[in-house]
Amino acid sequence: MNRCRPSNYLLGVIRRRGRNRNIIPPKEIRKKNQEKWKRESGYHMRSIVESVFSVFKNTFGEYTFSKTKEMKEKELILKALIYNKYIA
C-alpha cells in the first residue's frame, strides 16, 4: 500500500459521508489533465491556505499570550485584523 494515497476503505467512508470530491487525484487524471482537475476540485486552495497559516505563524508565533479562552479568541481576532491590514 502506498502510504501517500488513501486506502479504498477510507475512500468508501468519505463517499458515504457525502464528500464525493477526490482530494488526491486518481492516477489516470494526474497524468492527463491535472490542471483541469485542480481547477474543478479547488485543490490548489489547500496550498494557499497552508501558505497563509505559515506566514501567520511566522509573523505572530505559534502560541497565544492569553490564558482564558475568551481572551485567546480576542487575541487571535486582533492578530487576524493586523495580518489582513498588513497584506492589503
PDB file of N, CA and C in Angstrom:
ATOM      1  N   MET A   1       0.843  -1.197   0.000  1.00  0.00           N
ATOM      2  CA  MET A   1       0.000   0.000   0.000  1.00  0.00           C
ATOM      3  C   MET A   1       0.877   1.246   0.000  1.00  0.00           C
ATOM      4  N   ASN A   2       0.572   2.180  -0.859  1.00  0.00           N
ATOM      5  CA  ASN A   2       1.278   3.452  -0.901  1.00  0.00           C
ATOM      6  C   ASN A   2       0.762   4.325   0.239  1.00  0.00           C
ATOM      7  N   ARG A   3       1.620   4.733   1.124  1.00  0.00           N
ATOM      8  CA  ARG A   3       1.200   5.478   2.305  1.00  0.00           C
ATOM      9  C   ARG A   3       0.735   6.900   1.975  1.00  0.00           C
ATOM     10  N   CYS A   4       1.041   7.388   0.798  1.00  0.00           N
ATOM     11  CA  CYS A   4       0.640   8.743   0.420  1.00  0.00           C
ATOM     12  C   CYS A   4      -0.777   8.793  -0.149  1.00  0.00           C
ATOM     13  N   ARG A   5      -1.316   7.673  -0.490  1.00  0.00           N
ATOM     14  CA  ARG A   5      -2.649   7.640  -1.092  1.00  0.00           C
ATOM     15  C   ARG A   5      -3.625   6.988  -0.125  1.00  0.00           C
ATOM     16  N   PRO A   6      -4.856   7.465  -0.057  1.00  0.00           N
ATOM     17  CA  PRO A   6      -5.837   6.866   0.853  1.00  0.00           C
ATOM     18  C   PRO A   6      -6.237   5.466   0.387  1.00  0.00           C
ATOM     19  N   SER A   7      -6.548   4.626   1.334  1.00  0.00           N
ATOM     20  CA  SER A   7      -6.969   3.261   1.004  1.00  0.00           C
ATOM     21  C   SER A   7      -8.383   3.279   0.436  1.00  0.00           C
ATOM     22  N   ASN A   8      -8.755   2.195  -0.193  1.00  0.00           N
ATOM     23  CA  ASN A   8     -10.115   2.076  -0.734  1.00  0.00           C
ATOM     24  C   ASN A   8     -11.144   2.180   0.376  1.00  0.00           C
ATOM     25  N   TYR A   9     -10.808   1.639   1.554  1.00  0.00           N
ATOM     26  CA  TYR A   9     -11.718   1.730   2.696  1.00  0.00           C
ATOM     27  C   TYR A   9     -11.988   3.186   3.055  1.00  0.00           C
ATOM     28  N   LEU A  10     -10.934   3.989   3.158  1.00  0.00           N
ATOM     29  CA  LEU A  10     -11.115   5.401   3.510  1.00  0.00           C
ATOM     30  C   LEU A  10     -11.879   6.156   2.433  1.00  0.00           C
ATOM     31  N   LEU A  11     -11.602   5.846   1.176  1.00  0.00           N
ATOM     32  CA  LEU A  11     -12.344   6.500   0.098  1.00  0.00           C
ATOM     33  C   LEU A  11     -13.826   6.152   0.179  1.00  0.00           C
ATOM     34  N   GLY A  12     -14.140   4.899   0.551  1.00  0.00           N
ATOM     35  CA  GLY A  12     -15.538   4.500   0.724  1.00  0.00           C
ATOM     36  C   GLY A  12     -16.209   5.256   1.851  1.00  0.00           C
ATOM     37  N   VAL A  13     -15.491   5.450   2.964  1.00  0.00           N
ATOM     38  CA  VAL A  13     -16.039   6.207   4.093  1.00  0.00           C
ATOM     39  C   VAL A  13     -16.309   7.644   3.680  1.00  0.00           C
ATOM     40  N   ILE A  14     -15.383   8.245   2.957  1.00  0.00           N
ATOM     41  CA  ILE A  14     -15.542   9.632   2.506  1.00  0.00           C
ATOM     42  C   ILE A  14     -16.773   9.747   1.601  1.00  0.00           C
ATOM     43  N   ARG A  15     -16.936   8.807   0.690  1.00  0.00           N
ATOM     44  CA  ARG A  15     -18.090   8.852  -0.230  1.00  0.00           C
ATOM     45  C   ARG A  15     -19.406   8.669   0.519  1.00  0.00           C
ATOM     46  N   ARG A  16     -19.428   7.749   1.498  1.00  0.00           N
ATOM     47  CA  ARG A  16     -20.657   7.520   2.267  1.00  0.00           C
ATOM     48  C   ARG A  16     -21.051   8.749   3.075  1.00  0.00           C
ATOM     49  N   ARG A  17     -20.103   9.542   3.473  1.00  0.00           N
ATOM     50  CA  ARG A  17     -20.405  10.749   4.245  1.00  0.00           C
ATOM     51  C   ARG A  17     -20.789  11.920   3.345  1.00  0.00           C
ATOM     52  N   GLY A  18     -20.846  11.687   2.054  1.00  0.00           N
ATOM     53  CA  GLY A  18     -21.322  12.716   1.148  1.00  0.00           C
ATOM     54  C   GLY A  18     -20.242  13.607   0.579  1.00  0.00           C
ATOM     55  N   ARG A  19     -19.000  13.259   0.779  1.00  0.00           N
ATOM     56  CA  ARG A  19     -17.913  14.056   0.216  1.00  0.00           C
ATOM     57  C   ARG A  19     -17.367  13.305  -0.982  1.00  0.00           C
ATOM     58  N   ASN A  20     -17.932  13.579  -2.139  1.00  0.00           N
ATOM     59  CA  ASN A  20     -17.598  12.805  -3.326  1.00  0.00           C
ATOM     60  C   ASN A  20     -16.358  13.285  -4.057  1.00  0.00           C
ATOM     61  N   ARG A  21     -15.922  14.490  -3.772  1.00  0.00           N
ATOM     62  CA  ARG A  21     -14.748  15.005  -4.475  1.00  0.00           C
ATOM     63  C   ARG A  21     -13.485  14.318  -3.969  1.00  0.00           C
ATOM     64  N   ASN A  22     -12.633  13.913  -4.891  1.00  0.00           N
ATOM     65  CA  ASN A  22     -11.349  13.332  -4.507  1.00  0.00           C
ATOM     66  C   ASN A  22     -10.401  14.434  -4.065  1.00  0.00           C
ATOM     67  N   ILE A  23      -9.700  14.176  -2.980  1.00  0.00           N
ATOM     68  CA  ILE A  23      -8.712  15.131  -2.503  1.00  0.00           C
ATOM     69  C   ILE A  23      -7.390  14.891  -3.219  1.00  0.00           C
ATOM     70  N   ILE A  24      -7.061  13.657  -3.466  1.00  0.00           N
ATOM     71  CA  ILE A  24      -5.859  13.296  -4.207  1.00  0.00           C
ATOM     72  C   ILE A  24      -6.323  12.784  -5.564  1.00  0.00           C
ATOM     73  N   PRO A  25      -5.765  13.320  -6.649  1.00  0.00           N
ATOM     74  CA  PRO A  25      -6.266  12.932  -7.962  1.00  0.00           C
ATOM     75  C   PRO A  25      -5.969  11.469  -8.275  1.00  0.00           C
ATOM     76  N   PRO A  26      -6.900  10.782  -8.896  1.00  0.00           N
ATOM     77  CA  PRO A  26      -6.624   9.421  -9.357  1.00  0.00           C
ATOM     78  C   PRO A  26      -5.482   9.415 -10.367  1.00  0.00           C
ATOM     79  N   LYS A  27      -4.808   8.282 -10.485  1.00  0.00           N
ATOM     80  CA  LYS A  27      -3.627   8.202 -11.355  1.00  0.00           C
ATOM     81  C   LYS A  27      -3.929   8.606 -12.786  1.00  0.00           C
ATOM     82  N   GLU A  28      -5.087   8.180 -13.310  1.00  0.00           N
ATOM     83  CA  GLU A  28      -5.390   8.499 -14.710  1.00  0.00           C
ATOM     84  C   GLU A  28      -5.588   9.994 -14.920  1.00  0.00           C
ATOM     85  N   ILE A  29      -6.051  10.700 -13.911  1.00  0.00           N
ATOM     86  CA  ILE A  29      -6.226  12.151 -14.032  1.00  0.00           C
ATOM     87  C   ILE A  29      -4.876  12.854 -13.881  1.00  0.00           C
ATOM     88  N   ARG A  30      -4.051  12.377 -12.970  1.00  0.00           N
ATOM     89  CA  ARG A  30      -2.762  13.024 -12.741  1.00  0.00           C
ATOM     90  C   ARG A  30      -1.933  13.091 -14.007  1.00  0.00           C
ATOM     91  N   LYS A  31      -1.978  12.051 -14.803  1.00  0.00           N
ATOM     92  CA  LYS A  31      -1.129  12.006 -15.982  1.00  0.00           C
ATOM     93  C   LYS A  31      -1.681  12.832 -17.137  1.00  0.00           C
ATOM     94  N   LYS A  32      -3.002  12.927 -17.264  1.00  0.00           N
ATOM     95  CA  LYS A  32      -3.587  13.528 -18.458  1.00  0.00           C
ATOM     96  C   LYS A  32      -3.971  15.000 -18.274  1.00  0.00           C
ATOM     97  N   ASN A  33      -4.875  15.287 -17.377  1.00  0.00           N
ATOM     98  CA  ASN A  33      -5.392  16.653 -17.272  1.00  0.00           C
ATOM     99  C   ASN A  33      -5.446  17.107 -15.813  1.00  0.00           C
ATOM    100  N   GLN A  34      -4.279  17.165 -15.219  1.00  0.00           N
ATOM    101  CA  GLN A  34      -4.192  17.523 -13.812  1.00  0.00           C
ATOM    102  C   GLN A  34      -4.610  18.972 -13.564  1.00  0.00           C
ATOM    103  N   GLU A  35      -4.239  19.878 -14.431  1.00  0.00           N
ATOM    104  CA  GLU A  35      -4.578  21.291 -14.234  1.00  0.00           C
ATOM    105  C   GLU A  35      -6.091  21.506 -14.233  1.00  0.00           C
ATOM    106  N   LYS A  36      -6.786  20.853 -15.143  1.00  0.00           N
ATOM    107  CA  LYS A  36      -8.250  20.959 -15.201  1.00  0.00           C
ATOM    108  C   LYS A  36      -8.860  20.421 -13.910  1.00  0.00           C
ATOM    109  N   TRP A  37      -8.359  19.276 -13.441  1.00  0.00           N
ATOM    110  CA  TRP A  37      -8.861  18.679 -12.196  1.00  0.00           C
ATOM    111  C   TRP A  37      -8.632  19.611 -11.015  1.00  0.00           C
ATOM    112  N   LYS A  38      -7.459  20.236 -10.956  1.00  0.00           N
ATOM    113  CA  LYS A  38      -7.163  21.156  -9.846  1.00  0.00           C
ATOM    114  C   LYS A  38      -8.139  22.326  -9.834  1.00  0.00           C
ATOM    115  N   ARG A  39      -8.429  22.880 -11.015  1.00  0.00           N
ATOM    116  CA  ARG A  39      -9.369  23.998 -11.089  1.00  0.00           C
ATOM    117  C   ARG A  39     -10.765  23.582 -10.645  1.00  0.00           C
ATOM    118  N   GLU A  40     -11.231  22.444 -11.143  1.00  0.00           N
ATOM    119  CA  GLU A  40     -12.595  22.000 -10.846  1.00  0.00           C
ATOM    120  C   GLU A  40     -12.780  21.581  -9.390  1.00  0.00           C
ATOM    121  N   SER A  41     -11.743  20.985  -8.788  1.00  0.00           N
ATOM    122  CA  SER A  41     -11.894  20.469  -7.430  1.00  0.00           C
ATOM    123  C   SER A  41     -11.511  21.483  -6.363  1.00  0.00           C
ATOM    124  N   GLY A  42     -10.830  22.570  -6.755  1.00  0.00           N
ATOM    125  CA  GLY A  42     -10.378  23.542  -5.769  1.00  0.00           C
ATOM    126  C   GLY A  42      -9.163  23.068  -4.991  1.00  0.00           C
ATOM    127  N   TYR A  43      -8.416  22.123  -5.540  1.00  0.00           N
ATOM    128  CA  TYR A  43      -7.289  21.519  -4.841  1.00  0.00           C
ATOM    129  C   TYR A  43      -6.225  22.542  -4.482  1.00  0.00           C
ATOM    130  N   HIS A  44      -5.978  23.502  -5.341  1.00  0.00           N
ATOM    131  CA  HIS A  44      -4.915  24.485  -5.103  1.00  0.00           C
ATOM    132  C   HIS A  44      -5.209  25.362  -3.888  1.00  0.00           C
ATOM    133  N   MET A  45      -6.475  25.458  -3.503  1.00  0.00           N
ATOM    134  CA  MET A  45      -6.831  26.255  -2.323  1.00  0.00           C
ATOM    135  C   MET A  45      -6.105  25.755  -1.081  1.00  0.00           C
ATOM    136  N   ARG A  46      -5.877  24.455  -0.995  1.00  0.00           N
ATOM    137  CA  ARG A  46      -5.190  23.892   0.166  1.00  0.00           C
ATOM    138  C   ARG A  46      -3.797  24.487   0.303  1.00  0.00           C
ATOM    139  N   SER A  47      -3.052  24.596  -0.776  1.00  0.00           N
ATOM    140  CA  SER A  47      -1.704  25.149  -0.688  1.00  0.00           C
ATOM    141  C   SER A  47      -1.743  26.635  -0.347  1.00  0.00           C
ATOM    142  N   ILE A  48      -2.764  27.338  -0.829  1.00  0.00           N
ATOM    143  CA  ILE A  48      -2.900  28.752  -0.484  1.00  0.00           C
ATOM    144  C   ILE A  48      -3.169  28.909   1.008  1.00  0.00           C
ATOM    145  N   VAL A  49      -4.070  28.093   1.551  1.00  0.00           N
ATOM    146  CA  VAL A  49      -4.400  28.152   2.979  1.00  0.00           C
ATOM    147  C   VAL A  49      -3.183  27.805   3.820  1.00  0.00           C
ATOM    148  N   GLU A  50      -2.430  26.773   3.425  1.00  0.00           N
ATOM    149  CA  GLU A  50      -1.229  26.397   4.166  1.00  0.00           C
ATOM    150  C   GLU A  50      -0.191  27.514   4.143  1.00  0.00           C
ATOM    151  N   SER A  51      -0.078  28.218   3.031  1.00  0.00           N
ATOM    152  CA  SER A  51       0.854  29.341   2.943  1.00  0.00           C
ATOM    153  C   SER A  51       0.448  30.468   3.887  1.00  0.00           C
ATOM    154  N   VAL A  52      -0.850  30.762   3.951  1.00  0.00           N
ATOM    155  CA  VAL A  52      -1.344  31.815   4.842  1.00  0.00           C
ATOM    156  C   VAL A  52      -1.068  31.452   6.297  1.00  0.00           C
ATOM    157  N   PHE A  53      -1.347  30.199   6.683  1.00  0.00           N
ATOM    158  CA  PHE A  53      -1.084  29.773   8.057  1.00  0.00           C
ATOM    159  C   PHE A  53       0.410  29.854   8.377  1.00  0.00           C
ATOM    160  N   SER A  54       1.239  29.492   7.430  1.00  0.00           N
ATOM    161  CA  SER A  54       2.685  29.541   7.642  1.00  0.00           C
ATOM    162  C   SER A  54       3.155  30.977   7.884  1.00  0.00           C
ATOM    163  N   VAL A  55       2.698  31.901   7.044  1.00  0.00           N
ATOM    164  CA  VAL A  55       3.071  33.312   7.214  1.00  0.00           C
ATOM    165  C   VAL A  55       2.527  33.849   8.533  1.00  0.00           C
ATOM    166  N   PHE A  56       1.297  33.500   8.866  1.00  0.00           N
ATOM    167  CA  PHE A  56       0.672  33.954  10.111  1.00  0.00           C
ATOM    168  C   PHE A  56       1.475  33.477  11.314  1.00  0.00           C
ATOM    169  N   LYS A  57       1.854  32.190  11.320  1.00  0.00           N
ATOM    170  CA  LYS A  57       2.620  31.654  12.443  1.00  0.00           C
ATOM    171  C   LYS A  57       4.029  32.233  12.505  1.00  0.00           C
ATOM    172  N   ASN A  58       4.656  32.445  11.351  1.00  0.00           N
ATOM    173  CA  ASN A  58       5.995  33.036  11.354  1.00  0.00           C
ATOM    174  C   ASN A  58       5.970  34.482  11.830  1.00  0.00           C
ATOM    175  N   THR A  59       4.886  35.187  11.548  1.00  0.00           N
ATOM    176  CA  THR A  59       4.759  36.584  11.943  1.00  0.00           C
ATOM    177  C   THR A  59       4.424  36.721  13.424  1.00  0.00           C
ATOM    178  N   PHE A  60       3.448  35.969  13.885  1.00  0.00           N
ATOM    179  CA  PHE A  60       2.925  36.153  15.243  1.00  0.00           C
ATOM    180  C   PHE A  60       3.331  35.062  16.226  1.00  0.00           C
ATOM    181  N   GLY A  61       3.945  34.003  15.758  1.00  0.00           N
ATOM    182  CA  GLY A  61       4.299  32.889  16.634  1.00  0.00           C
ATOM    183  C   GLY A  61       3.186  31.860  16.679  1.00  0.00           C
ATOM    184  N   GLU A  62       3.519  30.695  17.217  1.00  0.00           N
ATOM    185  CA  GLU A  62       2.557  29.590  17.237  1.00  0.00           C
ATOM    186  C   GLU A  62       1.635  29.616  18.445  1.00  0.00           C
ATOM    187  N   TYR A  63       1.940  30.438  19.433  1.00  0.00           N
ATOM    188  CA  TYR A  63       1.198  30.412  20.686  1.00  0.00           C
ATOM    189  C   TYR A  63       0.545  31.765  20.973  1.00  0.00           C
ATOM    190  N   THR A  64      -0.437  31.717  21.850  1.00  0.00           N
ATOM    191  CA  THR A  64      -1.065  32.961  22.297  1.00  0.00           C
ATOM    192  C   THR A  64      -0.536  33.304  23.685  1.00  0.00           C
ATOM    193  N   PHE A  65      -0.592  34.572  24.034  1.00  0.00           N
ATOM    194  CA  PHE A  65      -0.137  35.011  25.349  1.00  0.00           C
ATOM    195  C   PHE A  65      -1.262  34.963  26.377  1.00  0.00           C
ATOM    196  N   SER A  66      -2.489  34.906  25.898  1.00  0.00           N
ATOM    197  CA  SER A  66      -3.657  34.928  26.780  1.00  0.00           C
ATOM    198  C   SER A  66      -3.853  33.580  27.452  1.00  0.00           C
ATOM    199  N   LYS A  67      -4.532  33.614  28.606  1.00  0.00           N
ATOM    200  CA  LYS A  67      -4.770  32.387  29.379  1.00  0.00           C
ATOM    201  C   LYS A  67      -6.185  31.839  29.191  1.00  0.00           C
ATOM    202  N   THR A  68      -7.179  32.721  29.169  1.00  0.00           N
ATOM    203  CA  THR A  68      -8.560  32.249  29.060  1.00  0.00           C
ATOM    204  C   THR A  68      -8.968  32.107  27.598  1.00  0.00           C
ATOM    205  N   LYS A  69      -9.974  31.272  27.371  1.00  0.00           N
ATOM    206  CA  LYS A  69     -10.451  31.033  26.011  1.00  0.00           C
ATOM    207  C   LYS A  69     -10.973  32.327  25.381  1.00  0.00           C
ATOM    208  N   GLU A  70     -11.705  33.106  26.163  1.00  0.00           N
ATOM    209  CA  GLU A  70     -12.268  34.361  25.649  1.00  0.00           C
ATOM    210  C   GLU A  70     -11.160  35.320  25.202  1.00  0.00           C
ATOM    211  N   MET A  71     -10.130  35.441  26.008  1.00  0.00           N
ATOM    212  CA  MET A  71      -9.037  36.354  25.650  1.00  0.00           C
ATOM    213  C   MET A  71      -8.200  35.804  24.488  1.00  0.00           C
ATOM    214  N   LYS A  72      -8.078  34.471  24.386  1.00  0.00           N
ATOM    215  CA  LYS A  72      -7.371  33.873  23.252  1.00  0.00           C
ATOM    216  C   LYS A  72      -8.099  34.184  21.947  1.00  0.00           C
ATOM    217  N   GLU A  73      -9.436  34.097  21.994  1.00  0.00           N
ATOM    218  CA  GLU A  73     -10.231  34.417  20.806  1.00  0.00           C
ATOM    219  C   GLU A  73     -10.023  35.869  20.398  1.00  0.00           C
ATOM    220  N   LYS A  74     -10.051  36.774  21.379  1.00  0.00           N
ATOM    221  CA  LYS A  74      -9.847  38.195  21.079  1.00  0.00           C
ATOM    222  C   LYS A  74      -8.449  38.441  20.530  1.00  0.00           C
ATOM    223  N   GLU A  75      -7.451  37.784  21.115  1.00  0.00           N
ATOM    224  CA  GLU A  75      -6.078  37.938  20.643  1.00  0.00           C
ATOM    225  C   GLU A  75      -5.940  37.476  19.199  1.00  0.00           C
ATOM    226  N   LEU A  76      -6.536  36.333  18.868  1.00  0.00           N
ATOM    227  CA  LEU A  76      -6.450  35.819  17.503  1.00  0.00           C
ATOM    228  C   LEU A  76      -7.198  36.701  16.512  1.00  0.00           C
ATOM    229  N   ILE A  77      -8.328  37.253  16.947  1.00  0.00           N
ATOM    230  CA  ILE A  77      -9.067  38.177  16.075  1.00  0.00           C
ATOM    231  C   ILE A  77      -8.220  39.414  15.785  1.00  0.00           C
ATOM    232  N   LEU A  78      -7.580  39.957  16.818  1.00  0.00           N
ATOM    233  CA  LEU A  78      -6.723  41.125  16.617  1.00  0.00           C
ATOM    234  C   LEU A  78      -5.542  40.800  15.705  1.00  0.00           C
ATOM    235  N   LYS A  79      -4.940  39.635  15.907  1.00  0.00           N
ATOM    236  CA  LYS A  79      -3.832  39.226  15.038  1.00  0.00           C
ATOM    237  C   LYS A  79      -4.304  39.080  13.592  1.00  0.00           C
ATOM    238  N   ALA A  80      -5.498  38.517  13.407  1.00  0.00           N
ATOM    239  CA  ALA A  80      -6.033  38.362  12.044  1.00  0.00           C
ATOM    240  C   ALA A  80      -6.307  39.714  11.402  1.00  0.00           C
ATOM    241  N   LEU A  81      -6.842  40.654  12.183  1.00  0.00           N
ATOM    242  CA  LEU A  81      -7.083  42.005  11.663  1.00  0.00           C
ATOM    243  C   LEU A  81      -5.774  42.678  11.271  1.00  0.00           C
ATOM    244  N   ILE A  82      -4.757  42.527  12.105  1.00  0.00           N
ATOM    245  CA  ILE A  82      -3.441  43.114  11.796  1.00  0.00           C
ATOM    246  C   ILE A  82      -2.866  42.457  10.547  1.00  0.00           C
ATOM    247  N   TYR A  83      -2.975  41.142  10.453  1.00  0.00           N
ATOM    248  CA  TYR A  83      -2.467  40.429   9.286  1.00  0.00           C
ATOM    249  C   TYR A  83      -3.170  40.899   8.012  1.00  0.00           C
ATOM    250  N   ASN A  84      -4.508  41.014   8.070  1.00  0.00           N
ATOM    251  CA  ASN A  84      -5.270  41.452   6.900  1.00  0.00           C
ATOM    252  C   ASN A  84      -4.902  42.866   6.491  1.00  0.00           C
ATOM    253  N   LYS A  85      -4.669  43.744   7.469  1.00  0.00           N
ATOM    254  CA  LYS A  85      -4.254  45.110   7.163  1.00  0.00           C
ATOM    255  C   LYS A  85      -2.857  45.117   6.565  1.00  0.00           C
ATOM    256  N   TYR A  86      -2.006  44.230   7.063  1.00  0.00           N
ATOM    257  CA  TYR A  86      -0.615  44.120   6.619  1.00  0.00           C
ATOM    258  C   TYR A  86      -0.524  43.682   5.155  1.00  0.00           C
ATOM    259  N   ILE A  87      -1.380  42.730   4.746  1.00  0.00           N
ATOM    260  CA  ILE A  87      -1.281  42.224   3.368  1.00  0.00           C
ATOM    261  C   ILE A  87      -2.093  43.063   2.378  1.00  0.00           C
ATOM    262  N   ALA A  88      -2.982  43.916   2.883  1.00  0.00           N
ATOM    263  CA  ALA A  88      -3.840  44.710   1.985  1.00  0.00           C
ATOM    264  C   ALA A  88      -3.092  45.844   1.323  1.00  0.00           C
TER     265      ALA A  88
END
